[in-house]
């Protein structure tokens, strides 16, 4: 018996060693294959890294890469998918270690302007020329930047006054809804058109759950998903205020302008619009699971996929993944805000909120380490040509970024709606104010507290947090101003080169104008910060 067990153990150990050797061989083969590809003088490899692991994106990138390789047999395109959790650390390590790929999506990686300038190369020299891959289309001959739906504004680095990336993504946010469940509860598939109808539907869901004993919430919520709705609701209450109290005349009203307006005395936490904004957030929170602010993104997704929630608010980036998981028909509708006629929350609302400030994002940045920058830029041209973007949109299910490209049929409900007016900002979009709100939100969303209790706790740290955020913005801009002064002086000394080329008088004038605007904003903020409280 023991001899049998001993032989079995020997065979098991041998099998384990064989499996280990096989894994090592496969890994070594892959590394050697990659090394050969890298050193093959007949083959140029362009690598790009991103963190978009949503369903369809990798397949779309692969499809475009293979099409490009078919046109350029001497080029190999390789995408590197890095999980979001490790992305910033991975990028920093690659850049500092000198092993970064040719193109990198920054996205969640928070690199300051100094690091962007140090590790990446501007692409502005290429964006005024036509995209050659648009030949034969209605975009032929148009400057590359003008083929984007936002004119490449999403790729522009406001701190460095230059275009450092090419952005292949744009998104909108929608409320997803389970249509068969909606029909079961209401007898129809009509979706809410405003906040009043959203409340009526949510109360019907609660009544249905109580009557049937079903574990069902109106809206799945998490600390990731919930702000998408709550911030929109808060901003709806500031539509009129943003028209009257906008010191920078920013449209849409930026969080920075909102903070400066406070320092100028144009509003405070006692304003009816501000109180209504928080009251509206509190009102909507009753339709989400208890403790939603502590739940993770996947928790909200599970609620919706498992049909424990009728609705889920998230971006168009999730639609492909959700469609692959749910066994029911999906519907979508825009975030519901109150109408101007709402008896409690209508006073600050002018009209429906516009998505006219839509921008492209997720730009691929050209690293200074790239051995083939011209080919990397050429691949970006191909990626964002009209025909390639049409294919990318069809395969990925994401929204188009190029003029004239049609979305997939199931994405038509996600196309941006430009009618209406801009919402006010969610002023928590700054580190200290965000931290303050997160620390006090349990009071706002608790059924056992009042709005006044929240405002008392929140106001205790509000002004110091707002001042800290405003000071940080001004100081960061001052560092950018100093750094760019050197660039402006260098361009002054190189004037006389070809028009619109590097160092041209036109480029210098643009930079000087931008520097003057930046300096004015710094001085304005510091002047307001110096006023006595």
Protein backbone atom coordinates (compact mmCIF):
# COMPACT_ATOMS: atom_id res chain seq x y z
CA UNK A 1 0.00 0.00 0.00
CA UNK A 2 2.76 2.38 0.98
CA UNK A 3 4.67 1.41 -2.12
CA UNK A 4 1.63 2.30 -4.25
CA UNK A 5 1.22 5.64 -2.52
CA UNK A 6 4.93 6.32 -2.98
CA UNK A 7 4.75 5.58 -6.70
CA UNK A 8 1.64 7.78 -7.02
CA UNK A 9 3.46 10.61 -5.26
CA UNK A 10 6.44 10.21 -7.56
CA UNK A 11 4.19 10.31 -10.65
CA UNK A 12 2.39 13.38 -9.27
CA UNK A 13 5.67 15.18 -8.62
CA UNK A 14 6.89 14.25 -12.07
CA UNK A 15 3.70 15.56 -13.64
CA UNK A 16 4.07 18.80 -11.68
CA UNK A 17 7.64 19.23 -12.90
CA UNK A 18 6.56 18.49 -16.47
CA UNK A 19 3.78 21.08 -16.24
CA UNK A 20 6.20 23.62 -14.79
CA UNK A 21 8.68 22.94 -17.59
CA UNK A 22 5.91 23.32 -20.16
CA UNK A 23 4.82 26.69 -18.71
CA UNK A 24 8.42 27.87 -18.65
CA UNK A 25 8.87 26.78 -22.26
CA UNK A 26 5.76 28.63 -23.41
CA UNK A 27 6.82 31.78 -21.53
CA UNK A 28 10.34 31.58 -22.93
CA UNK A 29 8.96 31.06 -26.44
CA UNK A 30 6.75 34.14 -26.12
CA UNK A 31 9.60 36.27 -24.77
CA UNK A 32 11.95 35.05 -27.49
CA UNK A 33 9.30 35.67 -30.12
CA UNK A 34 8.81 39.21 -28.89
CA UNK A 35 12.58 39.79 -28.79
CA UNK A 36 12.97 38.52 -32.35
CA UNK A 37 10.13 40.81 -33.49
CA UNK A 38 11.79 43.73 -31.75
CA UNK A 39 15.20 43.08 -33.32
CA UNK A 40 13.99 42.09 -36.78
CA UNK A 41 15.35 44.85 -39.02
CA UNK A 42 12.53 44.20 -41.50
CA UNK A 43 9.81 44.69 -38.88
CA UNK A 44 8.93 47.84 -36.90
CA UNK A 45 6.89 47.31 -33.73
CA UNK A 46 4.63 50.05 -32.38
CA UNK A 47 3.18 49.42 -28.93
CA UNK A 48 0.38 51.29 -27.23
CA UNK A 49 -0.85 50.87 -23.65
CA UNK A 50 -4.30 51.55 -22.23
CA UNK A 51 -6.57 50.55 -19.37
CA UNK A 52 -9.91 50.29 -21.23
CA UNK A 53 -10.76 46.68 -20.39
CA UNK A 54 -14.45 47.06 -21.20
CA UNK A 55 -16.01 44.56 -23.56
CA UNK A 56 -15.33 45.19 -27.25
CA UNK A 57 -12.54 47.75 -26.93
CA UNK A 58 -9.66 45.30 -27.21
CA UNK A 59 -11.33 43.59 -30.19
CA UNK A 60 -11.82 46.95 -31.90
CA UNK A 61 -8.20 47.97 -31.36
CA UNK A 62 -7.07 44.57 -32.66
CA UNK A 63 -9.21 44.90 -35.77
CA UNK A 64 -7.80 48.36 -36.55
CA UNK A 65 -4.24 47.19 -35.83
CA UNK A 66 -4.58 44.26 -38.25
CA UNK A 67 -5.98 46.58 -40.94
CA UNK A 68 -3.02 48.92 -40.49
CA UNK A 69 -0.56 46.03 -40.68
CA UNK A 70 -2.20 44.90 -43.93
CA UNK A 71 -1.46 48.33 -45.39
CA UNK A 72 2.04 48.43 -43.89
CA UNK A 73 3.49 44.89 -43.89
CA UNK A 74 6.72 46.09 -42.28
CA UNK A 75 4.88 47.35 -39.17
CA UNK A 76 3.58 45.34 -36.23
CA UNK A 77 1.05 46.94 -33.86
CA UNK A 78 0.79 45.59 -30.32
CA UNK A 79 -1.63 46.72 -27.63
CA UNK A 80 -0.82 46.38 -23.94
CA UNK A 81 -3.81 46.09 -21.60
CA UNK A 82 -3.03 47.15 -18.04
CA UNK A 83 -5.61 46.88 -15.21
CA UNK A 84 -6.81 50.25 -13.95
CA UNK A 85 -5.79 49.52 -10.36
CA UNK A 86 -2.10 49.25 -11.28
CA UNK A 87 -2.05 51.62 -14.23
CA UNK A 88 -0.48 54.72 -12.67
CA UNK A 89 2.29 52.73 -11.00
CA UNK A 90 2.93 50.79 -14.19
CA UNK A 91 3.20 53.93 -16.31
CA UNK A 92 5.51 55.67 -13.85
CA UNK A 93 7.79 52.62 -13.69
CA UNK A 94 7.91 52.28 -17.48
CA UNK A 95 8.64 55.96 -18.09
CA UNK A 96 11.34 56.28 -15.46
CA UNK A 97 12.86 52.91 -16.37
CA UNK A 98 13.08 53.81 -20.05
CA UNK A 99 10.92 50.87 -21.15
CA UNK A 100 7.69 52.70 -22.01
CA UNK A 101 5.80 51.81 -25.20
CA UNK A 102 5.41 54.25 -28.09
CA UNK A 103 1.92 55.41 -27.14
CA UNK A 104 0.33 55.62 -23.70
CA UNK A 105 -3.19 56.48 -22.65
CA UNK A 106 -2.93 58.56 -19.49
CA UNK A 107 -6.56 58.48 -18.39
CA UNK A 108 -6.53 57.54 -14.71
CA UNK A 109 -2.78 58.05 -14.51
CA UNK A 110 -2.40 61.44 -12.86
CA UNK A 111 0.84 62.89 -14.21
CA UNK A 112 1.47 66.57 -13.62
CA UNK A 113 2.34 68.95 -16.43
CA UNK A 114 6.07 68.76 -15.70
CA UNK A 115 6.10 64.98 -16.17
CA UNK A 116 3.97 65.16 -19.29
CA UNK A 117 6.42 67.68 -20.79
CA UNK A 118 9.37 65.54 -19.71
CA UNK A 119 8.21 62.17 -20.98
CA UNK A 120 5.92 62.97 -23.93
CA UNK A 121 6.19 64.74 -27.27
CA UNK A 122 3.55 67.18 -28.58
CA UNK A 123 1.69 66.14 -31.73
CA UNK A 124 0.57 69.66 -32.64
CA UNK A 125 2.88 69.75 -35.67
CA UNK A 126 0.74 67.07 -37.30
CA UNK A 127 -2.85 68.06 -36.52
CA UNK A 128 -3.18 70.98 -38.94
CA UNK A 129 -2.42 68.79 -41.96
CA UNK A 130 -5.15 66.69 -43.59
CA UNK A 131 -5.43 63.06 -42.54
CA UNK A 132 -4.31 61.11 -45.64
CA UNK A 133 -6.47 58.14 -44.63
CA UNK A 134 -9.58 60.28 -45.19
CA UNK A 135 -8.90 60.43 -48.93
CA UNK A 136 -12.07 59.75 -50.91
CA UNK A 137 -14.38 60.74 -48.03
CA UNK A 138 -16.19 63.99 -47.25
CA UNK A 139 -13.39 64.74 -44.76
CA UNK A 140 -10.68 64.73 -47.43
CA UNK A 141 -8.52 67.84 -47.26
CA UNK A 142 -9.80 68.97 -43.84
CA UNK A 143 -7.21 69.48 -41.10
CA UNK A 144 -6.92 66.39 -38.94
CA UNK A 145 -8.05 68.27 -35.82
CA UNK A 146 -11.22 69.49 -37.56
CA UNK A 147 -12.34 65.93 -38.26
CA UNK A 148 -12.94 65.34 -34.53
CA UNK A 149 -16.32 66.14 -33.04
CA UNK A 150 -14.69 68.43 -30.46
CA UNK A 151 -11.96 69.87 -32.68
CA UNK A 152 -9.43 67.96 -30.54
CA UNK A 153 -10.17 70.09 -27.49
CA UNK A 154 -10.14 66.93 -25.40
CA UNK A 155 -6.55 66.32 -26.49
CA UNK A 156 -5.31 69.82 -25.65
CA UNK A 157 -3.18 70.20 -22.52
CA UNK A 158 -4.29 73.51 -21.01
CA UNK A 159 -1.28 73.67 -18.68
CA UNK A 160 1.29 73.16 -21.46
CA UNK A 161 -0.58 75.09 -24.18
CA UNK A 162 -0.08 72.26 -26.61
CA UNK A 163 -1.70 69.13 -28.01
CA UNK A 164 -0.03 66.08 -26.53
CA UNK A 165 -2.41 63.29 -27.50
CA UNK A 166 -5.00 61.94 -29.90
CA UNK A 167 -8.25 60.89 -28.24
CA UNK A 168 -10.16 57.88 -29.59
CA UNK A 169 -13.02 57.88 -27.06
CA UNK A 170 -16.05 59.89 -26.10
CA UNK A 171 -18.90 58.93 -23.80
CA UNK A 172 -22.26 60.02 -22.52
CA UNK A 173 -24.02 58.97 -19.33
CA UNK A 174 -27.43 57.33 -19.30
CA UNK A 175 -29.84 55.56 -16.97
CA UNK A 176 -30.10 51.92 -18.05
CA UNK A 177 -33.47 50.27 -17.43
CA UNK A 178 -34.82 46.70 -17.50
CA UNK A 179 -37.67 46.98 -20.01
CA UNK A 180 -39.49 43.67 -19.27
CA UNK A 181 -39.41 44.47 -15.55
CA UNK A 182 -40.61 48.00 -16.26
CA UNK A 183 -43.54 46.57 -18.25
CA UNK A 184 -44.36 44.18 -15.41
CA UNK A 185 -44.47 47.00 -12.85
CA UNK A 186 -46.15 49.76 -14.87
CA UNK A 187 -47.84 48.03 -17.79
CA UNK A 188 -45.75 49.98 -20.35
CA UNK A 189 -42.16 50.62 -21.39
CA UNK A 190 -42.36 54.42 -21.24
CA UNK A 191 -39.25 55.78 -19.51
CA UNK A 192 -39.11 58.91 -17.33
CA UNK A 193 -38.67 62.22 -19.13
CA UNK A 194 -37.97 64.33 -16.03
CA UNK A 195 -37.40 64.06 -12.29
CA UNK A 196 -41.10 64.12 -11.48
CA UNK A 197 -41.70 61.04 -13.61
CA UNK A 198 -38.56 59.38 -12.20
CA UNK A 199 -39.89 59.81 -8.65
CA UNK A 200 -43.30 58.45 -9.64
CA UNK A 201 -41.70 55.39 -11.23
CA UNK A 202 -39.36 54.79 -8.29
CA UNK A 203 -42.26 54.92 -5.83
CA UNK A 204 -44.14 52.39 -7.97
CA UNK A 205 -41.12 50.10 -7.79
CA UNK A 206 -41.05 50.38 -4.01
CA UNK A 207 -44.78 49.64 -3.82
CA UNK A 208 -44.35 46.64 -6.14
CA UNK A 209 -41.47 45.28 -4.04
CA UNK A 210 -43.49 45.67 -0.81
CA UNK A 211 -46.58 44.03 -2.33
CA UNK A 212 -44.77 41.05 -3.87
CA UNK A 213 -42.04 40.60 -1.26
CA UNK A 214 -39.46 40.86 -4.02
CA UNK A 215 -35.97 42.13 -3.18
CA UNK A 216 -36.00 45.02 -5.63
CA UNK A 217 -34.57 48.56 -5.60
CA UNK A 218 -35.57 51.34 -8.00
CA UNK A 219 -31.95 52.33 -8.73
CA UNK A 220 -28.67 50.46 -8.21
CA UNK A 221 -26.15 52.70 -6.46
CA UNK A 222 -22.50 52.75 -5.48
CA UNK A 223 -19.86 55.29 -4.61
CA UNK A 224 -18.87 55.18 -8.28
CA UNK A 225 -22.28 55.22 -10.02
CA UNK A 226 -24.37 57.37 -7.69
CA UNK A 227 -22.45 60.64 -8.21
CA UNK A 228 -23.26 60.44 -11.92
CA UNK A 229 -26.89 61.09 -11.05
CA UNK A 230 -26.49 63.11 -7.86
CA UNK A 231 -24.03 65.58 -9.39
CA UNK A 232 -26.35 66.09 -12.37
CA UNK A 233 -29.27 66.77 -10.04
CA UNK A 234 -27.20 69.21 -7.97
CA UNK A 235 -26.01 71.01 -11.11
CA UNK A 236 -29.58 71.40 -12.35
CA UNK A 237 -30.33 73.64 -9.38
CA UNK A 238 -27.50 76.00 -10.38
CA UNK A 239 -28.55 76.73 -13.95
CA UNK A 240 -29.85 80.22 -13.12
CA UNK A 241 -27.13 80.94 -10.59
CA UNK A 242 -24.44 80.04 -13.13
CA UNK A 243 -25.86 82.65 -15.47
CA UNK A 244 -25.80 85.40 -12.82
CA UNK A 245 -22.66 84.62 -10.80
CA UNK A 246 -19.97 83.68 -13.29
CA UNK A 247 -16.83 85.82 -12.79
CA UNK A 248 -14.83 84.08 -15.56
CA UNK A 249 -17.76 83.89 -17.98
CA UNK A 250 -16.95 80.20 -18.46
CA UNK A 251 -19.57 78.20 -20.33
CA UNK A 252 -20.21 75.63 -19.14
CA UNK A 253 -19.59 77.03 -15.70
CA UNK A 254 -16.36 75.52 -14.44
CA UNK A 255 -15.80 74.38 -10.84
CA UNK A 256 -12.99 76.95 -10.67
CA UNK A 257 -15.32 79.80 -11.62
CA UNK A 258 -17.82 78.50 -9.07
CA UNK A 259 -15.22 78.67 -6.28
CA UNK A 260 -14.10 82.15 -7.30
CA UNK A 261 -17.70 83.34 -7.33
CA UNK A 262 -17.95 82.23 -3.70
CA UNK A 263 -14.82 84.22 -2.79
CA UNK A 264 -16.36 87.24 -4.52
CA UNK A 265 -19.45 86.91 -2.33
CA UNK A 266 -21.80 86.00 -5.18
CA UNK A 267 -23.19 82.96 -3.32
CA UNK A 268 -22.87 81.01 -0.08
CA UNK A 269 -24.22 77.83 1.46
CA UNK A 270 -27.40 79.62 2.52
CA UNK A 271 -28.39 80.32 -1.10
CA UNK A 272 -31.71 78.62 -1.94
CA UNK A 273 -30.08 77.10 -5.04
CA UNK A 274 -27.33 75.45 -2.97
CA UNK A 275 -29.74 74.18 -0.34
CA UNK A 276 -32.05 72.84 -3.05
CA UNK A 277 -29.11 71.11 -4.72
CA UNK A 278 -28.30 69.16 -1.57
CA UNK A 279 -31.99 68.59 -0.82
CA UNK A 280 -32.49 67.13 -4.30
CA UNK A 281 -29.53 64.80 -3.85
CA UNK A 282 -30.98 63.69 -0.51
CA UNK A 283 -34.40 63.14 -2.07
CA UNK A 284 -33.02 60.94 -4.87
CA UNK A 285 -30.88 58.87 -2.47
CA UNK A 286 -33.99 57.25 -0.97
CA UNK A 287 -34.40 55.22 -4.16
CA UNK A 288 -30.98 53.55 -3.84
CA UNK A 289 -29.88 50.72 -1.51
CA UNK A 290 -29.02 51.67 2.06
CA UNK A 291 -25.29 52.31 2.38
CA UNK A 292 -24.89 52.84 -1.37
CA UNK A 293 -22.02 55.29 -0.80
CA UNK A 294 -19.91 52.41 0.54
CA UNK A 295 -20.73 49.99 -2.28
CA UNK A 296 -18.32 49.36 -5.16
CA UNK A 297 -18.98 49.64 -8.88
CA UNK A 298 -19.39 45.88 -9.26
CA UNK A 299 -21.98 45.82 -6.46
CA UNK A 300 -24.21 48.19 -8.41
CA UNK A 301 -23.67 46.15 -11.57
CA UNK A 302 -24.68 42.94 -9.77
CA UNK A 303 -27.86 44.56 -8.46
CA UNK A 304 -28.87 45.45 -12.00
CA UNK A 305 -27.74 42.29 -13.79
CA UNK A 306 -29.40 40.05 -11.17
CA UNK A 307 -32.63 42.07 -11.57
CA UNK A 308 -32.55 43.33 -8.00
CA UNK A 309 -32.68 46.91 -9.33
CA UNK A 310 -34.82 48.29 -12.13
CA UNK A 311 -32.34 50.99 -13.13
CA UNK A 312 -28.60 51.66 -13.17
CA UNK A 313 -26.86 54.90 -14.11
CA UNK A 314 -23.51 54.58 -15.81
CA UNK A 315 -21.72 55.63 -18.96
CA UNK A 316 -21.87 54.40 -22.53
CA UNK A 317 -18.52 52.74 -21.82
CA UNK A 318 -20.39 49.95 -19.98
CA UNK A 319 -23.05 49.18 -22.57
CA UNK A 320 -21.19 46.38 -24.34
CA UNK A 321 -20.32 44.64 -21.09
CA UNK A 322 -23.87 44.98 -19.75
CA UNK A 323 -25.45 43.70 -22.97
CA UNK A 324 -23.25 40.62 -22.73
CA UNK A 325 -24.39 39.91 -19.17
CA UNK A 326 -28.11 40.67 -18.98
CA UNK A 327 -30.80 38.22 -20.18
CA UNK A 328 -33.36 41.01 -20.72
CA UNK A 329 -34.02 43.87 -23.14
CA UNK A 330 -32.32 47.14 -22.24
CA UNK A 331 -33.62 50.68 -22.51
CA UNK A 332 -31.80 53.92 -21.74
CA UNK A 333 -32.81 57.48 -20.93
CA UNK A 334 -31.06 60.66 -19.89
CA UNK A 335 -30.51 61.64 -16.27
CA UNK A 336 -33.86 63.08 -15.16
CA UNK A 337 -33.78 66.62 -13.79
CA UNK A 338 -36.73 68.63 -12.44
CA UNK A 339 -38.77 70.76 -14.81
CA UNK A 340 -38.99 74.51 -14.17
CA UNK A 341 -42.56 73.85 -12.99
CA UNK A 342 -41.48 71.56 -10.15
CA UNK A 343 -42.98 73.07 -6.94
CA UNK A 344 -39.88 72.46 -4.82
CA UNK A 345 -36.92 72.10 -7.20
CA UNK A 346 -37.95 74.07 -10.27
CA UNK A 347 -36.91 77.62 -9.31
CA UNK A 348 -33.26 77.26 -10.31
CA UNK A 349 -33.91 75.28 -13.49
CA UNK A 350 -34.13 76.98 -16.89
CA UNK A 351 -34.47 74.02 -19.24
CA UNK A 352 -33.24 70.48 -19.89
CA UNK A 353 -29.48 70.14 -19.54
CA UNK A 354 -27.39 70.16 -22.71
CA UNK A 355 -24.52 67.81 -23.53
CA UNK A 356 -22.94 70.44 -25.73
CA UNK A 357 -19.75 70.37 -23.69
CA UNK A 358 -18.99 66.80 -24.82
CA UNK A 359 -15.28 66.13 -25.24
CA UNK A 360 -13.15 63.29 -26.50
CA UNK A 361 -10.94 61.69 -23.88
CA UNK A 362 -8.48 58.87 -23.18
CA UNK A 363 -5.85 60.38 -25.46
CA UNK A 364 -2.91 58.26 -26.61
CA UNK A 365 0.27 60.21 -25.85
CA UNK A 366 3.46 59.87 -27.89
CA UNK A 367 6.39 59.06 -25.59
CA UNK A 368 9.80 60.59 -26.11
CA UNK A 369 11.19 57.05 -25.90
CA UNK A 370 9.48 56.04 -29.15
CA UNK A 371 12.03 54.96 -31.75
CA UNK A 372 9.54 55.48 -34.56
CA UNK A 373 7.46 58.58 -33.70
CA UNK A 374 6.43 59.25 -37.30
CA UNK A 375 5.00 55.76 -37.67
CA UNK A 376 3.27 56.00 -34.28
CA UNK A 377 1.58 59.24 -35.38
CA UNK A 378 0.69 57.64 -38.71
CA UNK A 379 -1.04 54.82 -36.83
CA UNK A 380 -2.99 57.42 -34.83
CA UNK A 381 -4.07 59.03 -38.10
CA UNK A 382 -5.29 55.67 -39.37
CA UNK A 383 -7.03 54.88 -36.07
CA UNK A 384 -8.99 58.14 -36.22
CA UNK A 385 -9.76 58.15 -39.93
CA UNK A 386 -13.44 58.08 -40.84
CA UNK A 387 -13.44 54.48 -42.10
CA UNK A 388 -11.40 53.14 -39.17
CA UNK A 389 -13.48 54.99 -36.60
CA UNK A 390 -16.62 53.57 -38.22
CA UNK A 391 -15.18 50.08 -37.76
CA UNK A 392 -13.98 50.84 -34.26
CA UNK A 393 -17.47 52.06 -33.35
CA UNK A 394 -19.15 49.00 -34.85
CA UNK A 395 -16.84 46.46 -33.16
CA UNK A 396 -16.51 48.15 -29.76
CA UNK A 397 -20.03 49.50 -29.47
CA UNK A 398 -18.60 52.84 -28.30
CA UNK A 399 -19.54 56.27 -29.59
CA UNK A 400 -17.81 57.79 -32.63
CA UNK A 401 -15.30 60.64 -32.28
CA UNK A 402 -15.08 61.55 -35.98
CA UNK A 403 -17.60 63.68 -37.88
CA UNK A 404 -20.04 61.72 -39.99
CA UNK A 405 -19.44 58.34 -38.35
CA UNK A 406 -22.67 56.54 -37.46
CA UNK A 407 -23.04 54.73 -34.13
CA UNK A 408 -24.10 51.11 -33.82
CA UNK A 409 -27.90 50.77 -33.78
CA UNK A 410 -28.05 49.94 -30.08
CA UNK A 411 -25.95 53.05 -29.31
CA UNK A 412 -28.29 55.62 -30.83
CA UNK A 413 -29.85 56.35 -27.46
CA UNK A 414 -26.40 57.35 -26.22
CA UNK A 415 -25.71 59.98 -28.86
CA UNK A 416 -25.20 63.42 -27.28
CA UNK A 417 -28.18 65.70 -26.90
CA UNK A 418 -27.21 69.32 -27.57
CA UNK A 419 -30.59 70.89 -26.79
CA UNK A 420 -31.09 72.82 -23.56
CA UNK A 421 -28.74 74.78 -21.32
CA UNK A 422 -25.61 73.88 -19.40
CA UNK A 423 -25.94 72.67 -15.84
CA UNK A 424 -23.99 74.27 -13.06
CA UNK A 425 -20.94 72.35 -11.79
CA UNK A 426 -20.57 69.78 -9.06
CA UNK A 427 -18.14 71.84 -7.00
CA UNK A 428 -16.95 68.76 -5.13
CA UNK A 429 -14.70 68.07 -8.14
CA UNK A 430 -11.61 69.31 -6.29
CA UNK A 431 -9.55 67.30 -3.77
CA UNK A 432 -10.31 69.07 -0.48
CA UNK A 433 -13.97 69.77 -1.21
CA UNK A 434 -14.43 66.20 -2.41
CA UNK A 435 -12.83 64.85 0.77
CA UNK A 436 -15.04 67.09 2.91
CA UNK A 437 -18.22 65.94 1.16
CA UNK A 438 -17.29 62.25 1.38
CA UNK A 439 -16.63 62.63 5.10
CA UNK A 440 -20.04 64.24 5.71
CA UNK A 441 -22.28 62.55 3.14
CA UNK A 442 -23.52 59.97 5.66
CA UNK A 443 -25.41 62.81 7.36
CA UNK A 444 -26.94 63.99 4.08
CA UNK A 445 -28.15 60.54 3.03
CA UNK A 446 -29.27 59.23 6.43
CA UNK A 447 -33.06 59.05 7.01
CA UNK A 448 -32.42 59.82 10.69
CA UNK A 449 -30.88 63.26 10.13
CA UNK A 450 -31.97 66.54 8.58
CA UNK A 451 -30.61 68.72 5.79
CA UNK A 452 -29.77 71.42 8.33
CA UNK A 453 -27.66 68.97 10.32
CA UNK A 454 -25.68 68.13 7.19
CA UNK A 455 -25.21 71.79 6.25
CA UNK A 456 -24.01 72.62 9.76
CA UNK A 457 -21.38 69.87 9.66
CA UNK A 458 -20.44 70.62 6.06
CA UNK A 459 -20.14 74.38 6.48
CA UNK A 460 -17.70 73.97 9.38
CA UNK A 461 -14.95 72.91 6.98
CA UNK A 462 -16.26 74.31 3.72
CA UNK A 463 -14.43 77.62 3.36
CA UNK A 464 -11.03 76.26 4.36
CA UNK A 465 -11.42 73.38 1.88
CA UNK A 466 -12.49 75.74 -0.90
CA UNK A 467 -9.57 78.06 -0.20
CA UNK A 468 -7.15 75.13 -0.19
CA UNK A 469 -8.38 73.95 -3.59
CA UNK A 470 -8.24 77.46 -5.03
CA UNK A 471 -4.72 78.00 -3.68
CA UNK A 472 -3.55 74.69 -5.12
CA UNK A 473 -4.90 75.58 -8.56
CA UNK A 474 -3.22 79.00 -8.50
CA UNK A 475 0.12 77.55 -7.35
CA UNK A 476 0.08 74.84 -10.01
CA UNK A 477 -0.64 77.44 -12.65
CA UNK A 478 2.17 79.65 -11.37
CA UNK A 479 4.62 76.77 -11.86
CA UNK A 480 3.27 76.24 -15.36
CA UNK A 481 3.59 79.96 -16.08
CA UNK A 482 7.25 79.99 -15.03
CA UNK A 483 8.06 76.91 -17.10
CA UNK A 484 6.33 78.25 -20.22
CA UNK A 485 8.03 81.65 -19.94
CA UNK A 486 11.23 79.87 -20.92
CA UNK A 487 9.51 78.39 -23.97
CA UNK A 488 8.14 81.78 -25.02
CA UNK A 489 11.58 83.39 -24.73
CA UNK A 490 13.13 80.60 -26.80
CA UNK A 491 10.48 81.08 -29.48
CA UNK A 492 11.10 84.84 -29.53
CA UNK A 493 14.75 84.15 -30.31
CA UNK A 494 13.83 81.74 -33.13
CA UNK A 495 11.31 83.92 -34.94
CA UNK A 496 11.66 84.19 -38.67
CA UNK A 497 11.18 80.50 -39.36
CA UNK A 498 8.51 79.18 -41.71
CA UNK A 499 4.97 80.37 -40.90
CA UNK A 500 3.19 78.13 -38.42
CA UNK A 501 6.31 76.04 -38.02
CA UNK A 502 8.10 75.51 -34.71
CA UNK A 503 9.19 78.90 -33.44
CA UNK A 504 6.98 80.89 -35.81
CA UNK A 505 5.66 84.33 -34.89
CA UNK A 506 2.09 82.99 -34.95
CA UNK A 507 2.87 80.25 -32.45
CA UNK A 508 4.74 82.70 -30.24
CA UNK A 509 1.81 85.12 -30.27
CA UNK A 510 -0.58 82.31 -29.33
CA UNK A 511 1.60 81.28 -26.41
CA UNK A 512 2.02 84.84 -25.18
CA UNK A 513 -1.74 85.34 -25.25
CA UNK A 514 -2.24 82.10 -23.33
CA UNK A 515 0.42 83.11 -20.79
CA UNK A 516 -1.28 86.46 -20.25
CA UNK A 517 -4.63 84.75 -19.68
CA UNK A 518 -3.04 82.29 -17.26
CA UNK A 519 -1.30 85.05 -15.32
CA UNK A 520 -4.55 87.03 -15.10
CA UNK A 521 -6.34 84.01 -13.66
CA UNK A 522 -3.58 83.46 -11.09
CA UNK A 523 -3.64 87.10 -9.99
CA UNK A 524 -7.43 87.12 -9.84
CA UNK A 525 -7.51 84.04 -7.61
CA UNK A 526 -4.77 85.31 -5.31
CA UNK A 527 -6.46 88.70 -5.02
CA UNK A 528 -9.67 87.04 -3.88
CA UNK A 529 -7.82 84.72 -1.50
CA UNK A 530 -6.15 87.74 0.11
CA UNK A 531 -9.45 89.41 0.93
CA UNK A 532 -10.39 89.28 4.61
CA UNK A 533 -12.94 86.61 5.43
